[in-house]
Structures are given as structure tokens and as C-alpha cells.
């Protein structure tokens, strides 16, 4: 009777280790996902740029210093 119990114990431990690894890999994958960045549109060329790289003047956003100096483009 000792060998079947030992095999059953090994299967239970193996399933526990498998479940633990599966749970931890899903949990770490959720934490490592990059956060979504807010995109803003340049008032001059209308190209979308991440807000952390864009330049703001008043209510308008710009993709570079040249466009900031030119100001907003007239709407078509």
C-alpha cells in the first residue's frame, strides 16, 4: 500500500507546483504590461504624439519646438 500512496502524493504535489507556477505567470504578466499613454494631436501638423513628449502652449499641443513657434494651423 505504500507505493500507490507515494505516487498519489507525488501527483498531488506536481499539480500544486503546476498550479502555483501558472498563477504566478499570469499575475506577473498583468503587472508587466505597459500602461497606455495619452496621445495628443499637434495643432500645426495634426500628427499624434504621446503627451509626455509633446509641448503644450495654452490649450494647444505641438510635436516639436518649430511647430510651437509657428502656432496653430488654420483649419481647412
C-alpha atoms as a PDB file:
ATOM      1  CA  UNK A   1       0.000   0.000   0.000  1.00  0.00           C
ATOM      2  CA  UNK A   2       2.935   2.358   0.402  1.00  0.00           C
ATOM      3  CA  UNK A   3       3.827   2.773  -3.282  1.00  0.00           C
ATOM      4  CA  UNK A   4       0.342   3.849  -4.523  1.00  0.00           C
ATOM      5  CA  UNK A   5       0.124   6.442  -1.744  1.00  0.00           C
ATOM      6  CA  UNK A   6       3.559   7.750  -2.661  1.00  0.00           C
ATOM      7  CA  UNK A   7       2.565   8.018  -6.345  1.00  0.00           C
ATOM      8  CA  UNK A   8      -0.673   9.796  -5.406  1.00  0.00           C
ATOM      9  CA  UNK A   9       1.249  12.198  -3.151  1.00  0.00           C
ATOM     10  CA  UNK A  10       3.698  12.916  -6.000  1.00  0.00           C
ATOM     11  CA  UNK A  11       0.810  13.656  -8.393  1.00  0.00           C
ATOM     12  CA  UNK A  12      -0.835  15.998  -5.879  1.00  0.00           C
ATOM     13  CA  UNK A  13       2.447  17.849  -5.258  1.00  0.00           C
ATOM     14  CA  UNK A  14       3.096  18.057  -9.013  1.00  0.00           C
ATOM     15  CA  UNK A  15      -0.365  19.535  -9.649  1.00  0.00           C
ATOM     16  CA  UNK A  16       0.178  22.011  -6.817  1.00  0.00           C
ATOM     17  CA  UNK A  17       3.506  23.174  -8.277  1.00  0.00           C
ATOM     18  CA  UNK A  18       1.963  23.409 -11.768  1.00  0.00           C
ATOM     19  CA  UNK A  19      -0.995  25.478 -10.448  1.00  0.00           C
ATOM     20  CA  UNK A  20       1.351  27.750  -8.452  1.00  0.00           C
ATOM     21  CA  UNK A  21       3.557  28.460 -11.487  1.00  0.00           C
ATOM     22  CA  UNK A  22       0.535  29.060 -13.707  1.00  0.00           C
ATOM     23  CA  UNK A  23      -0.969  31.520 -11.202  1.00  0.00           C
ATOM     24  CA  UNK A  24       2.317  33.394 -10.759  1.00  0.00           C
ATOM     25  CA  UNK A  25       2.982  33.708 -14.504  1.00  0.00           C
ATOM     26  CA  UNK A  26      -0.464  35.238 -15.109  1.00  0.00           C
ATOM     27  CA  UNK A  27      -0.075  37.583 -12.175  1.00  0.00           C
ATOM     28  CA  UNK A  28       3.349  38.838 -13.292  1.00  0.00           C
ATOM     29  CA  UNK A  29       2.195  39.214 -16.921  1.00  0.00           C
ATOM     30  CA  UNK A  30      -0.565  41.599 -15.830  1.00  0.00           C
ATOM     31  CA  UNK A  31       1.876  43.707 -13.797  1.00  0.00           C
ATOM     32  CA  UNK A  32       4.436  43.942 -16.622  1.00  0.00           C
ATOM     33  CA  UNK A  33       2.036  45.284 -19.259  1.00  0.00           C
ATOM     34  CA  UNK A  34       2.930  48.818 -20.311  1.00  0.00           C
ATOM     35  CA  UNK A  35       0.412  51.429 -19.355  1.00  0.00           C
ATOM     36  CA  UNK A  36      -1.457  53.201 -22.117  1.00  0.00           C
ATOM     37  CA  UNK A  37      -0.173  56.686 -22.879  1.00  0.00           C
ATOM     38  CA  UNK A  38      -2.403  59.626 -23.670  1.00  0.00           C
ATOM     39  CA  UNK A  39      -1.945  60.785 -27.252  1.00  0.00           C
ATOM     40  CA  UNK A  40      -2.386  64.446 -28.256  1.00  0.00           C
ATOM     41  CA  UNK A  41      -2.614  65.989 -31.724  1.00  0.00           C
ATOM     42  CA  UNK A  42      -0.167  68.639 -32.894  1.00  0.00           C
ATOM     43  CA  UNK A  43      -2.022  71.884 -33.642  1.00  0.00           C
ATOM     44  CA  UNK A  44       0.277  72.533 -36.638  1.00  0.00           C
ATOM     45  CA  UNK A  45       0.749  69.215 -38.488  1.00  0.00           C
ATOM     46  CA  UNK A  46      -2.035  67.160 -36.825  1.00  0.00           C
ATOM     47  CA  UNK A  47       0.342  64.265 -36.020  1.00  0.00           C
ATOM     48  CA  UNK A  48      -0.486  62.390 -32.810  1.00  0.00           C
ATOM     49  CA  UNK A  49       2.277  62.334 -30.186  1.00  0.00           C
ATOM     50  CA  UNK A  50       2.427  60.921 -26.627  1.00  0.00           C
ATOM     51  CA  UNK A  51       1.560  63.681 -24.171  1.00  0.00           C
ATOM     52  CA  UNK A  52       4.784  63.143 -22.208  1.00  0.00           C
ATOM     53  CA  UNK A  53       6.828  64.049 -25.342  1.00  0.00           C
ATOM     54  CA  UNK A  54       4.568  66.840 -26.654  1.00  0.00           C
ATOM     55  CA  UNK A  55       4.839  70.555 -25.903  1.00  0.00           C
ATOM     56  CA  UNK A  56       1.829  72.477 -24.630  1.00  0.00           C
ATOM     57  CA  UNK A  57       1.005  76.152 -25.031  1.00  0.00           C
ATOM     58  CA  UNK A  58      -2.384  77.156 -23.736  1.00  0.00           C
ATOM     59  CA  UNK A  59      -4.926  74.634 -24.974  1.00  0.00           C
ATOM     60  CA  UNK A  60      -2.804  73.569 -27.965  1.00  0.00           C
ATOM     61  CA  UNK A  61      -0.277  70.737 -28.171  1.00  0.00           C
ATOM     62  CA  UNK A  62       2.742  70.613 -30.506  1.00  0.00           C
ATOM     63  CA  UNK A  63       5.089  67.824 -31.589  1.00  0.00           C
ATOM     64  CA  UNK A  64       8.267  69.974 -31.749  1.00  0.00           C
ATOM     65  CA  UNK A  65       9.666  73.422 -30.996  1.00  0.00           C
ATOM     66  CA  UNK A  66       9.365  74.534 -34.652  1.00  0.00           C
ATOM     67  CA  UNK A  67       5.631  73.924 -34.693  1.00  0.00           C
ATOM     68  CA  UNK A  68       5.285  75.578 -31.292  1.00  0.00           C
ATOM     69  CA  UNK A  69       6.897  78.720 -32.724  1.00  0.00           C
ATOM     70  CA  UNK A  70       4.607  78.669 -35.777  1.00  0.00           C
ATOM     71  CA  UNK A  71       1.450  78.381 -33.712  1.00  0.00           C
ATOM     72  CA  UNK A  72      -1.747  76.552 -34.613  1.00  0.00           C
ATOM     73  CA  UNK A  73      -2.540  75.927 -38.269  1.00  0.00           C
ATOM     74  CA  UNK A  74      -5.742  77.393 -39.694  1.00  0.00           C
ATOM     75  CA  UNK A  75      -8.466  74.769 -40.098  1.00  0.00           C
ATOM     76  CA  UNK A  76      -9.359  73.625 -43.597  1.00  0.00           C
END
